[in-house]
Amino acid sequence: MPWERVSSDNDMLNFMKKLIEIRKPASAIIQHGKYSLQEIKQDVVALEWKCDGQILKAIFNQSKEDYLLEKETVALASNCQELENQLVISPKGFVIFKN
């Protein structure tokens, strides 16, 4: 059975490519960095890794309400909208920042 070629507009494929793009350079931060977990508010969790001056941070919104935060450079997001100076993480959404 021949495999069908996946179109370039496949959302899941593009999402996985972006995730891999982040993971490769961030693997040392995750493996060797200092890890912290913080519940920002009920059902909103922040994970952060720090290593040699580099930071990788992810915020997950598992609540039923939007979560607002100050706008930063986003590496990857799901169910997230940008406003003028803020990011809105919708329910079941997340955002990953890397500097």
Protein backbone atom coordinates (compact mmCIF):
# COMPACT_ATOMS: atom_id res chain seq x y z
CA MET A 1 0.00 0.00 0.00
CA PRO A 2 1.66 3.29 -1.07
CA TRP A 3 1.78 6.15 1.42
CA GLU A 4 -0.07 9.30 0.46
CA ARG A 5 1.91 12.50 0.57
CA VAL A 6 0.87 14.83 3.40
CA SER A 7 -0.05 18.31 2.24
CA SER A 8 1.98 21.22 3.62
CA ASP A 9 -1.16 22.84 5.06
CA ASN A 10 -1.67 19.97 7.53
CA ASP A 11 -2.03 21.72 10.92
CA MET A 12 -0.84 18.80 13.05
CA LEU A 13 2.23 18.23 10.88
CA ASN A 14 3.17 21.91 11.06
CA PHE A 15 2.63 21.94 14.83
CA MET A 16 4.91 18.92 15.29
CA LYS A 17 7.59 20.52 13.10
CA LYS A 18 7.53 23.65 15.28
CA LEU A 19 7.67 21.55 18.45
CA ILE A 20 10.74 19.67 17.16
CA GLU A 21 12.29 22.98 16.12
CA ILE A 22 12.03 24.17 19.74
CA ARG A 23 13.08 20.87 21.34
CA LYS A 24 16.37 20.43 19.50
CA PRO A 25 18.13 23.59 20.73
CA ALA A 26 16.33 23.46 24.11
CA SER A 27 17.25 19.87 24.97
CA ALA A 28 20.35 20.91 26.97
CA ILE A 29 18.28 23.42 28.97
CA ILE A 30 15.73 20.70 29.79
CA GLN A 31 18.34 18.02 30.59
CA HIS A 32 20.76 20.12 32.64
CA GLY A 33 18.73 23.11 33.75
CA LYS A 34 17.05 23.91 37.01
CA TYR A 35 13.32 23.13 36.83
CA SER A 36 10.48 24.89 38.61
CA LEU A 37 6.74 24.30 38.61
CA GLN A 38 4.33 26.98 39.77
CA GLU A 39 0.56 27.14 39.91
CA ILE A 40 -0.08 30.74 38.83
CA LYS A 41 -3.75 30.47 39.66
CA GLN A 42 -6.12 27.55 39.92
CA ASP A 43 -5.72 25.35 36.82
CA VAL A 44 -3.02 27.59 35.27
CA VAL A 45 0.49 26.12 35.56
CA ALA A 46 3.90 27.52 34.61
CA LEU A 47 6.93 25.29 33.98
CA GLU A 48 10.34 26.88 33.73
CA TRP A 49 13.83 25.57 33.02
CA LYS A 50 16.96 27.72 33.51
CA CYS A 51 20.47 26.82 32.39
CA ASP A 52 23.52 29.00 31.67
CA GLY A 53 21.44 32.18 31.35
CA GLN A 54 18.89 30.61 29.03
CA ILE A 55 15.24 30.22 29.99
CA LEU A 56 12.53 27.99 28.59
CA LYS A 57 9.06 28.66 29.97
CA ALA A 58 5.66 27.10 29.25
CA ILE A 59 2.27 28.18 30.59
CA PHE A 60 -0.69 25.80 30.40
CA ASN A 61 -4.27 26.97 30.92
CA GLN A 62 -6.44 24.08 32.06
CA SER A 63 -9.13 26.38 33.47
CA LYS A 64 -12.46 27.25 31.89
CA GLU A 65 -11.55 30.94 31.55
CA ASP A 66 -9.12 32.91 29.42
CA TYR A 67 -5.79 33.71 31.09
CA LEU A 68 -4.11 37.05 30.30
CA LEU A 69 -0.39 37.74 30.51
CA GLU A 70 2.06 40.34 29.24
CA LYS A 71 3.16 39.88 25.67
CA GLU A 72 6.51 38.15 25.18
CA THR A 73 8.19 36.49 22.21
CA VAL A 74 6.29 33.26 21.64
CA ALA A 75 8.09 30.16 20.36
CA LEU A 76 4.94 28.03 20.09
CA ALA A 77 1.31 28.48 21.10
CA SER A 78 -2.00 26.68 20.92
CA ASN A 79 -5.37 28.33 21.58
CA CYS A 80 -3.66 31.67 22.14
CA GLN A 81 -4.45 35.14 20.79
CA GLU A 82 -2.33 38.28 20.72
CA LEU A 83 -3.77 41.62 21.78
CA GLU A 84 -1.87 44.93 21.80
CA ASN A 85 0.32 44.30 24.85
CA GLN A 86 -1.10 41.02 26.10
CA LEU A 87 -1.47 37.37 25.24
CA VAL A 88 -4.75 35.60 25.88
CA ILE A 89 -4.44 31.88 26.54
CA SER A 90 -7.85 30.33 25.97
CA PRO A 91 -9.07 27.33 27.97
CA LYS A 92 -7.01 24.20 27.20
CA GLY A 93 -4.37 26.39 25.54
CA PHE A 94 -0.66 26.83 26.16
CA VAL A 95 2.23 29.03 25.19
CA ILE A 96 6.00 28.34 25.17
CA PHE A 97 8.60 31.11 25.48
CA LYS A 98 12.34 30.77 24.88
CA ASN A 99 15.07 33.38 25.20
